[in-house]
Amino acid sequence: MSEKAEDLSITYTEDGVDIVKELDKEILSKGAWTTIIFRYQEWNRAKEEYGPEKYTIRRYQKRGGQYQQKSKFNISSKDQAKAVIAALEKWIGSE
C-alpha cells in the first residue's frame, strides 16, 4: 500500500493493459481513516475498449505508516451516481 493518501490509486495493470484505469480522484477526508472517491473505467476484453465511467468510494485505515483498504462502495453507473447526489441534496441541500 501507500504511505500518503495522495498516492493511493485503484489502477490495476495486467500484461501491460490497465484493466482498471483511474481517471480522477477526490480525497473526501484525511487522517488515520481516509475516504477517497475515484472515477474510473474498466477494460472490456471482448470489445477491446474501455467501458463507461464508474465511481467507487474507498475507506482506508493507516496502520504502521501504511494505508490499507478497509471498505468500498461501487457506484456502477451515472444514473446511480445521480440518484446518490439527489438523495444527499434532499437531505442536506436545505442546510
N, C-alpha and C. Protein backbone atom coordinates (compact mmCIF):
# COMPACT_ATOMS: atom_id res chain seq x y z
N MET A 1 0.84 -1.19 0.00
CA MET A 1 0.00 0.00 0.00
C MET A 1 0.88 1.25 0.00
N SER A 2 0.32 2.32 0.45
CA SER A 2 0.98 3.61 0.32
C SER A 2 1.10 4.30 1.68
N GLU A 3 2.06 5.20 1.76
CA GLU A 3 2.27 5.97 2.98
C GLU A 3 1.47 7.27 2.98
N LYS A 4 1.16 7.81 1.78
CA LYS A 4 0.43 9.08 1.67
C LYS A 4 -0.90 8.85 0.95
N ALA A 5 -1.93 9.53 1.43
CA ALA A 5 -3.26 9.39 0.82
C ALA A 5 -3.24 9.80 -0.66
N GLU A 6 -2.46 10.80 -0.98
CA GLU A 6 -2.38 11.29 -2.36
C GLU A 6 -1.85 10.22 -3.32
N ASP A 7 -1.11 9.25 -2.80
CA ASP A 7 -0.52 8.21 -3.64
C ASP A 7 -1.41 6.99 -3.83
N LEU A 8 -2.53 6.94 -3.11
CA LEU A 8 -3.43 5.80 -3.24
C LEU A 8 -4.08 5.81 -4.63
N SER A 9 -4.21 4.64 -5.23
CA SER A 9 -4.76 4.53 -6.58
C SER A 9 -5.51 3.21 -6.71
N ILE A 10 -6.46 3.18 -7.63
CA ILE A 10 -7.16 1.93 -7.92
C ILE A 10 -6.76 1.37 -9.28
N THR A 11 -5.81 2.01 -9.96
CA THR A 11 -5.35 1.50 -11.25
C THR A 11 -4.80 0.09 -11.06
N TYR A 12 -5.24 -0.81 -11.93
CA TYR A 12 -4.77 -2.19 -11.89
C TYR A 12 -4.33 -2.58 -13.29
N THR A 13 -3.07 -2.98 -13.43
CA THR A 13 -2.49 -3.31 -14.72
C THR A 13 -2.17 -4.80 -14.79
N GLU A 14 -2.52 -5.39 -15.93
CA GLU A 14 -2.26 -6.81 -16.16
C GLU A 14 -1.75 -6.97 -17.58
N ASP A 15 -0.60 -7.60 -17.75
CA ASP A 15 0.01 -7.80 -19.07
C ASP A 15 0.13 -6.50 -19.86
N GLY A 16 0.48 -5.43 -19.17
CA GLY A 16 0.70 -4.14 -19.82
C GLY A 16 -0.56 -3.36 -20.14
N VAL A 17 -1.75 -3.87 -19.76
CA VAL A 17 -3.01 -3.19 -20.02
C VAL A 17 -3.63 -2.77 -18.69
N ASP A 18 -4.05 -1.52 -18.62
CA ASP A 18 -4.75 -1.05 -17.43
C ASP A 18 -6.15 -1.65 -17.43
N ILE A 19 -6.36 -2.68 -16.63
CA ILE A 19 -7.67 -3.34 -16.54
C ILE A 19 -8.65 -2.41 -15.82
N VAL A 20 -8.17 -1.74 -14.77
CA VAL A 20 -8.92 -0.68 -14.10
C VAL A 20 -8.09 0.59 -14.28
N LYS A 21 -8.66 1.56 -14.98
CA LYS A 21 -7.94 2.80 -15.27
C LYS A 21 -8.56 3.94 -14.46
N GLU A 22 -7.79 4.44 -13.51
CA GLU A 22 -8.24 5.57 -12.69
C GLU A 22 -8.21 6.84 -13.54
N LEU A 23 -9.34 7.56 -13.54
CA LEU A 23 -9.44 8.80 -14.32
C LEU A 23 -9.26 10.03 -13.44
N ASP A 24 -9.72 9.93 -12.19
CA ASP A 24 -9.64 11.07 -11.29
C ASP A 24 -9.94 10.58 -9.88
N LYS A 25 -9.64 11.41 -8.89
CA LYS A 25 -9.98 11.09 -7.51
C LYS A 25 -10.11 12.37 -6.71
N GLU A 26 -10.91 12.29 -5.67
CA GLU A 26 -11.08 13.39 -4.72
C GLU A 26 -10.94 12.80 -3.32
N ILE A 27 -10.06 13.37 -2.53
CA ILE A 27 -9.91 12.94 -1.15
C ILE A 27 -10.98 13.65 -0.34
N LEU A 28 -11.90 12.86 0.24
CA LEU A 28 -13.02 13.42 1.00
C LEU A 28 -12.65 13.69 2.45
N SER A 29 -11.78 12.86 3.02
CA SER A 29 -11.29 13.08 4.38
C SER A 29 -9.93 12.42 4.51
N LYS A 30 -9.09 13.00 5.38
CA LYS A 30 -7.73 12.51 5.57
C LYS A 30 -7.48 12.30 7.06
N GLY A 31 -6.56 11.42 7.35
CA GLY A 31 -6.18 11.14 8.72
C GLY A 31 -5.92 9.67 8.89
N ALA A 32 -6.11 9.17 10.13
CA ALA A 32 -5.93 7.75 10.38
C ALA A 32 -6.91 6.94 9.54
N TRP A 33 -8.09 7.50 9.30
CA TRP A 33 -9.07 6.94 8.38
C TRP A 33 -9.24 7.94 7.24
N THR A 34 -9.03 7.48 6.03
CA THR A 34 -9.10 8.34 4.84
C THR A 34 -10.18 7.81 3.90
N THR A 35 -10.97 8.72 3.35
CA THR A 35 -12.03 8.37 2.41
C THR A 35 -11.75 9.06 1.08
N ILE A 36 -11.77 8.28 0.01
CA ILE A 36 -11.49 8.81 -1.33
C ILE A 36 -12.56 8.31 -2.29
N ILE A 37 -13.03 9.21 -3.17
CA ILE A 37 -13.91 8.79 -4.25
C ILE A 37 -13.09 8.82 -5.54
N PHE A 38 -13.19 7.73 -6.29
CA PHE A 38 -12.45 7.57 -7.54
C PHE A 38 -13.42 7.51 -8.72
N ARG A 39 -13.00 8.07 -9.84
CA ARG A 39 -13.69 7.93 -11.12
C ARG A 39 -12.80 7.02 -11.97
N TYR A 40 -13.38 5.98 -12.57
CA TYR A 40 -12.55 5.01 -13.28
C TYR A 40 -13.31 4.35 -14.43
N GLN A 41 -12.56 3.59 -15.23
CA GLN A 41 -13.13 2.78 -16.29
C GLN A 41 -12.48 1.40 -16.23
N GLU A 42 -13.25 0.39 -16.66
CA GLU A 42 -12.74 -0.97 -16.71
C GLU A 42 -12.56 -1.40 -18.17
N TRP A 43 -11.52 -2.16 -18.42
CA TRP A 43 -11.22 -2.66 -19.75
C TRP A 43 -12.15 -3.83 -20.07
N ASN A 44 -12.81 -3.75 -21.23
CA ASN A 44 -13.68 -4.83 -21.70
C ASN A 44 -12.85 -5.65 -22.69
N ARG A 45 -12.45 -6.84 -22.27
CA ARG A 45 -11.57 -7.67 -23.11
C ARG A 45 -12.27 -8.11 -24.40
N ALA A 46 -13.55 -8.40 -24.32
CA ALA A 46 -14.27 -8.87 -25.51
C ALA A 46 -14.34 -7.78 -26.59
N LYS A 47 -14.61 -6.55 -26.17
CA LYS A 47 -14.72 -5.44 -27.12
C LYS A 47 -13.38 -4.74 -27.35
N GLU A 48 -12.40 -5.04 -26.51
CA GLU A 48 -11.09 -4.39 -26.55
C GLU A 48 -11.21 -2.88 -26.49
N GLU A 49 -12.00 -2.41 -25.51
CA GLU A 49 -12.15 -0.98 -25.26
C GLU A 49 -12.59 -0.78 -23.81
N TYR A 50 -12.47 0.45 -23.36
CA TYR A 50 -12.90 0.77 -22.00
C TYR A 50 -14.41 0.98 -21.97
N GLY A 51 -15.01 0.52 -20.89
CA GLY A 51 -16.44 0.67 -20.69
C GLY A 51 -16.78 2.06 -20.16
N PRO A 52 -18.02 2.25 -19.76
CA PRO A 52 -18.45 3.56 -19.26
C PRO A 52 -17.78 3.91 -17.94
N GLU A 53 -17.81 5.18 -17.61
CA GLU A 53 -17.25 5.63 -16.34
C GLU A 53 -18.02 5.04 -15.18
N LYS A 54 -17.26 4.70 -14.14
CA LYS A 54 -17.85 4.21 -12.90
C LYS A 54 -17.19 4.99 -11.77
N TYR A 55 -17.73 4.79 -10.57
CA TYR A 55 -17.24 5.54 -9.41
C TYR A 55 -17.17 4.59 -8.23
N THR A 56 -16.22 4.81 -7.35
CA THR A 56 -16.11 3.99 -6.16
C THR A 56 -15.64 4.86 -4.99
N ILE A 57 -16.21 4.61 -3.84
CA ILE A 57 -15.80 5.29 -2.62
C ILE A 57 -15.05 4.26 -1.78
N ARG A 58 -13.84 4.58 -1.41
CA ARG A 58 -13.00 3.65 -0.66
C ARG A 58 -12.59 4.27 0.67
N ARG A 59 -12.57 3.42 1.71
CA ARG A 59 -12.12 3.82 3.05
C ARG A 59 -10.81 3.09 3.34
N TYR A 60 -9.84 3.85 3.78
CA TYR A 60 -8.53 3.30 4.10
C TYR A 60 -8.20 3.62 5.56
N GLN A 61 -7.53 2.69 6.22
CA GLN A 61 -7.03 2.90 7.57
C GLN A 61 -5.51 2.89 7.53
N LYS A 62 -4.91 3.86 8.22
CA LYS A 62 -3.46 3.93 8.26
C LYS A 62 -2.98 3.18 9.50
N ARG A 63 -2.18 2.14 9.27
CA ARG A 63 -1.60 1.34 10.36
C ARG A 63 -0.15 1.07 10.02
N GLY A 64 0.70 1.28 10.99
CA GLY A 64 2.12 1.04 10.75
C GLY A 64 2.68 1.89 9.64
N GLY A 65 2.11 3.08 9.46
CA GLY A 65 2.60 4.01 8.44
C GLY A 65 2.10 3.72 7.03
N GLN A 66 1.26 2.70 6.85
CA GLN A 66 0.76 2.33 5.53
C GLN A 66 -0.77 2.34 5.53
N TYR A 67 -1.35 2.80 4.42
CA TYR A 67 -2.80 2.76 4.27
C TYR A 67 -3.22 1.38 3.78
N GLN A 68 -4.29 0.86 4.38
CA GLN A 68 -4.86 -0.41 3.97
C GLN A 68 -6.35 -0.20 3.70
N GLN A 69 -6.81 -0.71 2.56
CA GLN A 69 -8.23 -0.57 2.24
C GLN A 69 -9.06 -1.40 3.21
N LYS A 70 -10.11 -0.78 3.76
CA LYS A 70 -10.98 -1.46 4.71
C LYS A 70 -12.39 -1.67 4.18
N SER A 71 -12.86 -0.79 3.30
CA SER A 71 -14.20 -0.96 2.74
C SER A 71 -14.31 -0.18 1.44
N LYS A 72 -15.37 -0.54 0.68
CA LYS A 72 -15.61 0.17 -0.58
C LYS A 72 -17.09 0.08 -0.93
N PHE A 73 -17.52 1.08 -1.69
CA PHE A 73 -18.86 1.09 -2.25
C PHE A 73 -18.73 1.49 -3.71
N ASN A 74 -19.19 0.62 -4.61
CA ASN A 74 -19.10 0.89 -6.03
C ASN A 74 -20.40 1.49 -6.54
N ILE A 75 -20.26 2.58 -7.30
CA ILE A 75 -21.40 3.22 -7.97
C ILE A 75 -21.23 2.83 -9.44
N SER A 76 -22.14 2.01 -9.94
CA SER A 76 -21.91 1.33 -11.21
C SER A 76 -22.32 2.11 -12.46
N SER A 77 -23.00 3.24 -12.29
CA SER A 77 -23.42 3.98 -13.48
C SER A 77 -23.64 5.45 -13.14
N LYS A 78 -23.74 6.27 -14.18
CA LYS A 78 -24.04 7.68 -13.97
C LYS A 78 -25.41 7.86 -13.37
N ASP A 79 -26.37 7.01 -13.76
CA ASP A 79 -27.72 7.10 -13.19
C ASP A 79 -27.71 6.84 -11.69
N GLN A 80 -26.96 5.84 -11.27
CA GLN A 80 -26.88 5.56 -9.84
C GLN A 80 -26.18 6.71 -9.11
N ALA A 81 -25.15 7.28 -9.72
CA ALA A 81 -24.45 8.42 -9.12
C ALA A 81 -25.40 9.60 -8.95
N LYS A 82 -26.22 9.85 -9.96
CA LYS A 82 -27.19 10.95 -9.89
C LYS A 82 -28.22 10.70 -8.78
N ALA A 83 -28.62 9.44 -8.58
CA ALA A 83 -29.57 9.10 -7.52
C ALA A 83 -28.95 9.35 -6.14
N VAL A 84 -27.67 9.03 -5.98
CA VAL A 84 -26.97 9.29 -4.71
C VAL A 84 -26.89 10.79 -4.47
N ILE A 85 -26.55 11.55 -5.50
CA ILE A 85 -26.47 13.01 -5.39
C ILE A 85 -27.83 13.59 -5.03
N ALA A 86 -28.89 13.13 -5.68
CA ALA A 86 -30.24 13.63 -5.41
C ALA A 86 -30.64 13.36 -3.96
N ALA A 87 -30.35 12.18 -3.46
CA ALA A 87 -30.68 11.85 -2.07
C ALA A 87 -29.92 12.75 -1.10
N LEU A 88 -28.64 12.95 -1.35
CA LEU A 88 -27.83 13.81 -0.47
C LEU A 88 -28.31 15.25 -0.52
N GLU A 89 -28.64 15.74 -1.71
CA GLU A 89 -29.14 17.12 -1.82
C GLU A 89 -30.47 17.28 -1.09
N LYS A 90 -31.30 16.27 -1.16
CA LYS A 90 -32.59 16.30 -0.45
C LYS A 90 -32.37 16.37 1.06
N TRP A 91 -31.42 15.60 1.55
CA TRP A 91 -31.16 15.54 2.99
C TRP A 91 -30.42 16.75 3.53
N ILE A 92 -29.43 17.24 2.77
CA ILE A 92 -28.58 18.31 3.33
C ILE A 92 -28.60 19.59 2.51
N GLY A 93 -29.30 19.58 1.39
CA GLY A 93 -29.31 20.74 0.50
C GLY A 93 -29.93 21.98 1.10
N SER A 94 -30.81 21.82 2.03
CA SER A 94 -31.50 22.98 2.62
C SER A 94 -30.80 23.53 3.85
N GLU A 95 -29.69 22.92 4.24
CA GLU A 95 -28.98 23.41 5.45
C GLU A 95 -28.23 24.67 5.18
